[in-house]
Every structure is written in structure tokens, then in C-alpha cells.
Amino acid sequence: MTEMHMRNYAYLGDAVWELHIRKKTILMTQNSKDLHKITTDRVKASFQAELLKYLEEFLTEEEQEISRRGRNLSVPIARRSNQSEYRQATAFETLIGWWYSHNKPRLKEIFEKIEEKL
């Protein structure tokens, strides 16, 4: 598989994470307003940053390096008001995208670890 740029892993990870959350929220309610609220609460940067902090102790050295590289990506001007949180969320999305591309069993393991926290 061709290696992608870290930003592309983050872009992919954003979609994978949102799909994962949507698959869970559709089992919680049929109310569209509630579906939206539950989903947006779990895909926002602050929540993703919190999850990355929780996962840090479970990451391998290689995963820590991927996280670091994702965190060091440039931040869009509109997101600079909370740059640290946005960078952490980007690192989380980068990891999700990397696992999705390279190690789906590990992604499944991480999703299970996250479920333990939720």
C-alpha cells in the first residue's frame, strides 16, 4: 500500500470515526434531533482530544510517533482559537485513519477500549 500524507490519514480517520459513532447512535434513538446531538458531541474536537489522552497509555511507540506527526500538522486559521485541542483531535483522527488503512484488528481493539471508557 502506498504511504499517504498524515493529513490524508486524518481526513480518512475523521470519516471512519464519524461512521463508527453513527452506527452506534442509530441504535440509541430514532429522534433525528437526538441523533444529531449525540453524534456531534462525540465527533467534536474536545471529545476526540479527551479520547486521545485516554488512549495514550495503550499506544505503541509507532502509534505514538503517528500521533505526534498528526498533532504537528498545520492548523487551519479558523481553528486557531483552540489550537491545542484541535491538534490533539487531528492526532486522534490520524491514528484512526492509519489503523483503518494498516491494521483493522488494532482499530477494532481501540474502538473496544474506547467503549470501556464510554
N, C-alpha and C. Protein backbone atom coordinates (compact mmCIF):
# COMPACT_ATOMS: atom_id res chain seq x y z
N MET A 1 0.84 -1.18 0.00
CA MET A 1 0.00 0.00 0.00
C MET A 1 0.88 1.25 0.00
N THR A 2 0.54 2.22 -0.79
CA THR A 2 1.28 3.47 -0.86
C THR A 2 1.05 4.26 0.43
N GLU A 3 2.13 4.83 0.96
CA GLU A 3 2.03 5.63 2.17
C GLU A 3 1.37 6.96 1.84
N MET A 4 0.40 7.34 2.67
CA MET A 4 -0.30 8.61 2.49
C MET A 4 0.32 9.68 3.38
N HIS A 5 0.03 10.91 3.08
CA HIS A 5 0.41 12.03 3.93
C HIS A 5 -0.43 11.96 5.21
N MET A 6 0.13 12.39 6.31
CA MET A 6 -0.58 12.37 7.59
C MET A 6 -1.93 13.08 7.52
N ARG A 7 -1.99 14.17 6.78
CA ARG A 7 -3.26 14.91 6.66
C ARG A 7 -4.33 14.02 6.03
N ASN A 8 -3.93 13.16 5.09
CA ASN A 8 -4.89 12.26 4.46
C ASN A 8 -5.37 11.18 5.43
N TYR A 9 -4.47 10.71 6.28
CA TYR A 9 -4.91 9.77 7.32
C TYR A 9 -5.91 10.45 8.26
N ALA A 10 -5.66 11.70 8.60
CA ALA A 10 -6.60 12.43 9.47
C ALA A 10 -7.95 12.60 8.78
N TYR A 11 -7.92 12.91 7.51
CA TYR A 11 -9.16 13.09 6.74
C TYR A 11 -9.96 11.77 6.71
N LEU A 12 -9.26 10.68 6.45
CA LEU A 12 -9.90 9.36 6.44
C LEU A 12 -10.39 9.01 7.84
N GLY A 13 -9.55 9.26 8.83
CA GLY A 13 -9.91 8.95 10.22
C GLY A 13 -11.13 9.69 10.69
N ASP A 14 -11.29 10.92 10.25
CA ASP A 14 -12.48 11.71 10.58
C ASP A 14 -13.73 10.99 10.08
N ALA A 15 -13.69 10.51 8.85
CA ALA A 15 -14.85 9.82 8.26
C ALA A 15 -15.11 8.48 8.96
N VAL A 16 -14.05 7.72 9.23
CA VAL A 16 -14.19 6.42 9.88
C VAL A 16 -14.78 6.60 11.28
N TRP A 17 -14.27 7.59 12.02
CA TRP A 17 -14.76 7.84 13.38
C TRP A 17 -16.24 8.25 13.35
N GLU A 18 -16.59 9.15 12.43
CA GLU A 18 -17.99 9.58 12.37
C GLU A 18 -18.91 8.41 12.00
N LEU A 19 -18.50 7.57 11.07
CA LEU A 19 -19.31 6.41 10.71
C LEU A 19 -19.45 5.46 11.91
N HIS A 20 -18.37 5.25 12.62
CA HIS A 20 -18.41 4.40 13.82
C HIS A 20 -19.43 4.95 14.82
N ILE A 21 -19.37 6.23 15.06
CA ILE A 21 -20.30 6.86 16.01
C ILE A 21 -21.73 6.78 15.49
N ARG A 22 -21.94 7.06 14.23
CA ARG A 22 -23.31 6.99 13.67
C ARG A 22 -23.88 5.58 13.76
N LYS A 23 -23.05 4.57 13.54
CA LYS A 23 -23.52 3.19 13.67
C LYS A 23 -24.00 2.91 15.09
N LYS A 24 -23.38 3.54 16.06
CA LYS A 24 -23.78 3.36 17.45
C LYS A 24 -25.02 4.19 17.79
N THR A 25 -25.06 5.44 17.33
CA THR A 25 -26.16 6.32 17.72
C THR A 25 -27.50 5.90 17.12
N ILE A 26 -27.48 5.28 15.94
CA ILE A 26 -28.77 4.86 15.35
C ILE A 26 -29.44 3.78 16.18
N LEU A 27 -28.68 3.12 17.04
CA LEU A 27 -29.26 2.11 17.93
C LEU A 27 -29.78 2.71 19.22
N MET A 28 -29.49 4.00 19.44
CA MET A 28 -29.88 4.66 20.69
C MET A 28 -31.22 5.35 20.62
N THR A 29 -31.55 5.88 19.45
CA THR A 29 -32.78 6.66 19.33
C THR A 29 -33.21 6.76 17.87
N GLN A 30 -34.47 7.06 17.68
CA GLN A 30 -34.98 7.31 16.33
C GLN A 30 -35.25 8.79 16.11
N ASN A 31 -35.07 9.58 17.16
CA ASN A 31 -35.30 11.01 17.09
C ASN A 31 -34.12 11.70 16.39
N SER A 32 -34.40 12.36 15.27
CA SER A 32 -33.30 12.94 14.48
C SER A 32 -32.55 14.03 15.23
N LYS A 33 -33.23 14.80 16.04
CA LYS A 33 -32.56 15.84 16.82
C LYS A 33 -31.61 15.21 17.84
N ASP A 34 -32.06 14.16 18.49
CA ASP A 34 -31.21 13.45 19.45
C ASP A 34 -30.03 12.77 18.76
N LEU A 35 -30.29 12.17 17.58
CA LEU A 35 -29.21 11.54 16.81
C LEU A 35 -28.11 12.56 16.51
N HIS A 36 -28.53 13.73 16.06
CA HIS A 36 -27.56 14.78 15.73
C HIS A 36 -26.77 15.21 16.97
N LYS A 37 -27.45 15.41 18.07
CA LYS A 37 -26.80 15.87 19.30
C LYS A 37 -25.78 14.84 19.81
N ILE A 38 -26.19 13.59 19.87
CA ILE A 38 -25.29 12.54 20.35
C ILE A 38 -24.08 12.42 19.44
N THR A 39 -24.33 12.45 18.14
CA THR A 39 -23.24 12.32 17.18
C THR A 39 -22.27 13.49 17.28
N THR A 40 -22.79 14.71 17.24
CA THR A 40 -21.89 15.87 17.27
C THR A 40 -21.12 15.96 18.58
N ASP A 41 -21.71 15.52 19.68
CA ASP A 41 -20.99 15.52 20.95
C ASP A 41 -19.77 14.59 20.91
N ARG A 42 -19.83 13.55 20.09
CA ARG A 42 -18.75 12.57 20.06
C ARG A 42 -17.78 12.74 18.90
N VAL A 43 -18.11 13.60 17.96
CA VAL A 43 -17.17 13.84 16.86
C VAL A 43 -16.49 15.20 16.97
N LYS A 44 -16.82 15.98 17.99
CA LYS A 44 -16.20 17.30 18.13
C LYS A 44 -14.77 17.17 18.67
N ALA A 45 -13.98 18.17 18.39
CA ALA A 45 -12.56 18.16 18.71
C ALA A 45 -12.28 17.92 20.20
N SER A 46 -13.04 18.55 21.07
CA SER A 46 -12.77 18.40 22.50
C SER A 46 -12.94 16.96 22.96
N PHE A 47 -13.93 16.26 22.43
CA PHE A 47 -14.15 14.86 22.80
C PHE A 47 -13.04 13.98 22.24
N GLN A 48 -12.65 14.23 20.99
CA GLN A 48 -11.58 13.45 20.39
C GLN A 48 -10.26 13.67 21.12
N ALA A 49 -10.00 14.90 21.54
CA ALA A 49 -8.78 15.20 22.29
C ALA A 49 -8.78 14.44 23.62
N GLU A 50 -9.93 14.38 24.26
CA GLU A 50 -10.07 13.65 25.51
C GLU A 50 -9.81 12.15 25.29
N LEU A 51 -10.34 11.61 24.20
CA LEU A 51 -10.11 10.19 23.89
C LEU A 51 -8.64 9.90 23.63
N LEU A 52 -7.96 10.79 22.92
CA LEU A 52 -6.54 10.58 22.66
C LEU A 52 -5.77 10.54 23.98
N LYS A 53 -6.09 11.43 24.87
CA LYS A 53 -5.42 11.46 26.17
C LYS A 53 -5.64 10.13 26.90
N TYR A 54 -6.86 9.60 26.85
CA TYR A 54 -7.17 8.32 27.46
C TYR A 54 -6.36 7.18 26.82
N LEU A 55 -6.23 7.21 25.50
CA LEU A 55 -5.58 6.12 24.76
C LEU A 55 -4.06 6.14 24.84
N GLU A 56 -3.47 7.27 25.20
CA GLU A 56 -2.01 7.41 25.13
C GLU A 56 -1.26 6.28 25.82
N GLU A 57 -1.74 5.82 26.94
CA GLU A 57 -1.01 4.77 27.67
C GLU A 57 -1.07 3.40 26.96
N PHE A 58 -1.98 3.25 26.01
CA PHE A 58 -2.13 1.99 25.29
C PHE A 58 -1.41 1.98 23.95
N LEU A 59 -0.84 3.13 23.55
CA LEU A 59 -0.23 3.24 22.22
C LEU A 59 1.18 2.65 22.18
N THR A 60 1.49 2.00 21.07
CA THR A 60 2.85 1.51 20.85
C THR A 60 3.74 2.70 20.50
N GLU A 61 5.04 2.47 20.43
CA GLU A 61 5.95 3.54 20.03
C GLU A 61 5.63 4.06 18.63
N GLU A 62 5.34 3.14 17.71
CA GLU A 62 5.00 3.54 16.34
C GLU A 62 3.72 4.39 16.34
N GLU A 63 2.73 3.99 17.11
CA GLU A 63 1.48 4.74 17.18
C GLU A 63 1.70 6.11 17.83
N GLN A 64 2.55 6.18 18.81
CA GLN A 64 2.89 7.46 19.43
C GLN A 64 3.52 8.40 18.41
N GLU A 65 4.37 7.84 17.56
CA GLU A 65 5.02 8.64 16.51
C GLU A 65 3.98 9.14 15.50
N ILE A 66 3.05 8.29 15.11
CA ILE A 66 1.98 8.70 14.19
C ILE A 66 1.15 9.80 14.84
N SER A 67 0.83 9.64 16.10
CA SER A 67 0.07 10.66 16.83
C SER A 67 0.84 11.99 16.86
N ARG A 68 2.12 11.92 17.15
CA ARG A 68 2.95 13.13 17.19
C ARG A 68 2.95 13.83 15.83
N ARG A 69 3.11 13.05 14.78
CA ARG A 69 3.13 13.63 13.43
C ARG A 69 1.77 14.25 13.08
N GLY A 70 0.68 13.60 13.48
CA GLY A 70 -0.65 14.16 13.24
C GLY A 70 -0.86 15.44 14.03
N ARG A 71 -0.37 15.46 15.26
CA ARG A 71 -0.52 16.64 16.12
C ARG A 71 0.27 17.84 15.58
N ASN A 72 1.35 17.56 14.85
CA ASN A 72 2.20 18.63 14.34
C ASN A 72 1.79 19.15 12.97
N LEU A 73 0.68 18.64 12.43
CA LEU A 73 0.19 19.18 11.16
C LEU A 73 -0.23 20.63 11.34
N SER A 74 -0.14 21.43 10.29
CA SER A 74 -0.54 22.83 10.39
C SER A 74 -2.03 22.92 10.70
N VAL A 75 -2.39 23.95 11.43
CA VAL A 75 -3.77 24.16 11.88
C VAL A 75 -4.41 25.24 11.02
N PRO A 76 -5.62 24.96 10.49
CA PRO A 76 -6.32 25.99 9.71
C PRO A 76 -6.55 27.24 10.56
N ILE A 77 -6.51 28.38 9.95
CA ILE A 77 -6.65 29.66 10.65
C ILE A 77 -7.93 29.70 11.47
N ALA A 78 -9.04 29.19 10.94
CA ALA A 78 -10.32 29.23 11.65
C ALA A 78 -10.28 28.42 12.94
N ARG A 79 -9.37 27.48 13.06
CA ARG A 79 -9.30 26.60 14.24
C ARG A 79 -8.27 27.08 15.27
N ARG A 80 -7.63 28.16 15.04
CA ARG A 80 -6.52 28.56 15.90
C ARG A 80 -6.95 29.05 17.27
N SER A 81 -8.23 29.30 17.50
CA SER A 81 -8.66 29.78 18.81
C SER A 81 -8.42 28.71 19.88
N ASN A 82 -8.55 27.46 19.52
CA ASN A 82 -8.25 26.39 20.46
C ASN A 82 -7.30 25.40 19.78
N GLN A 83 -6.13 25.89 19.47
CA GLN A 83 -5.15 25.17 18.68
C GLN A 83 -4.74 23.84 19.31
N SER A 84 -4.50 23.82 20.60
CA SER A 84 -4.04 22.61 21.27
C SER A 84 -5.08 21.50 21.16
N GLU A 85 -6.33 21.83 21.44
CA GLU A 85 -7.41 20.86 21.35
C GLU A 85 -7.57 20.35 19.92
N TYR A 86 -7.51 21.25 18.97
CA TYR A 86 -7.65 20.87 17.56
C TYR A 86 -6.51 19.95 17.14
N ARG A 87 -5.29 20.25 17.59
CA ARG A 87 -4.14 19.41 17.25
C ARG A 87 -4.29 18.01 17.83
N GLN A 88 -4.78 17.92 19.06
CA GLN A 88 -5.00 16.61 19.68
C GLN A 88 -6.05 15.82 18.91
N ALA A 89 -7.12 16.49 18.51
CA ALA A 89 -8.18 15.83 17.74
C ALA A 89 -7.65 15.36 16.39
N THR A 90 -6.81 16.16 15.77
CA THR A 90 -6.21 15.77 14.49
C THR A 90 -5.31 14.55 14.67
N ALA A 91 -4.58 14.51 15.77
CA ALA A 91 -3.74 13.35 16.06
C ALA A 91 -4.61 12.10 16.24
N PHE A 92 -5.74 12.24 16.94
CA PHE A 92 -6.67 11.13 17.12
C PHE A 92 -7.18 10.64 15.76
N GLU A 93 -7.61 11.56 14.92
CA GLU A 93 -8.13 11.20 13.60
C GLU A 93 -7.05 10.56 12.73
N THR A 94 -5.82 11.05 12.85
CA THR A 94 -4.70 10.49 12.09
C THR A 94 -4.50 9.02 12.47
N LEU A 95 -4.53 8.75 13.77
CA LEU A 95 -4.40 7.36 14.23
C LEU A 95 -5.54 6.49 13.71
N ILE A 96 -6.76 6.98 13.79
CA ILE A 96 -7.91 6.21 13.32
C ILE A 96 -7.74 5.89 11.83
N GLY A 97 -7.36 6.88 11.04
CA GLY A 97 -7.14 6.67 9.61
C GLY A 97 -6.00 5.72 9.34
N TRP A 98 -4.93 5.81 10.11
CA TRP A 98 -3.78 4.91 9.93
C TRP A 98 -4.18 3.48 10.25
N TRP A 99 -4.85 3.28 11.41
CA TRP A 99 -5.29 1.93 11.77
C TRP A 99 -6.24 1.37 10.72
N TYR A 100 -7.16 2.20 10.24
CA TYR A 100 -8.11 1.74 9.23
C TYR A 100 -7.37 1.26 7.98
N SER A 101 -6.31 1.97 7.62
CA SER A 101 -5.55 1.63 6.41
C SER A 101 -4.58 0.47 6.60
N HIS A 102 -4.03 0.34 7.80
CA HIS A 102 -2.93 -0.60 8.01
C HIS A 102 -3.19 -1.73 9.01
N ASN A 103 -4.16 -1.54 9.90
CA ASN A 103 -4.31 -2.53 10.97
C ASN A 103 -5.73 -2.51 11.53
N LYS A 104 -6.67 -3.06 10.77
CA LYS A 104 -8.07 -3.07 11.20
C LYS A 104 -8.30 -3.82 12.51
N PRO A 105 -7.57 -4.93 12.77
CA PRO A 105 -7.76 -5.57 14.09
C PRO A 105 -7.40 -4.63 15.25
N ARG A 106 -6.35 -3.85 15.07
CA ARG A 106 -5.97 -2.89 16.11
C ARG A 106 -7.03 -1.79 16.24
N LEU A 107 -7.59 -1.36 15.13
CA LEU A 107 -8.66 -0.36 15.17
C LEU A 107 -9.84 -0.90 15.96
N LYS A 108 -10.20 -2.14 15.72
CA LYS A 108 -11.30 -2.78 16.45
C LYS A 108 -10.97 -2.81 17.95
N GLU A 109 -9.75 -3.17 18.27
CA GLU A 109 -9.30 -3.21 19.67
C GLU A 109 -9.41 -1.82 20.32
N ILE A 110 -9.01 -0.79 19.58
CA ILE A 110 -9.08 0.58 20.10
C ILE A 110 -10.53 1.00 20.30
N PHE A 111 -11.40 0.69 19.34
CA PHE A 111 -12.82 1.01 19.49
C PHE A 111 -13.39 0.32 20.73
N GLU A 112 -12.99 -0.91 20.99
CA GLU A 112 -13.44 -1.61 22.18
C GLU A 112 -12.91 -0.94 23.44
N LYS A 113 -11.67 -0.49 23.40
CA LYS A 113 -11.08 0.22 24.54
C LYS A 113 -11.84 1.52 24.81
N ILE A 114 -12.22 2.21 23.74
CA ILE A 114 -12.99 3.45 23.89
C ILE A 114 -14.36 3.15 24.49
N GLU A 115 -14.98 2.06 24.06
CA GLU A 115 -16.30 1.68 24.60
C GLU A 115 -16.23 1.45 26.11
N GLU A 116 -15.10 0.90 26.58
CA GLU A 116 -14.92 0.71 28.02
C GLU A 116 -14.98 2.04 28.77
N LYS A 117 -14.45 3.09 28.13
CA LYS A 117 -14.44 4.42 28.75
C LYS A 117 -15.83 5.06 28.71
N LEU A 118 -16.56 4.82 27.63
CA LEU A 118 -17.88 5.43 27.48
C LEU A 118 -18.84 4.70 28.38
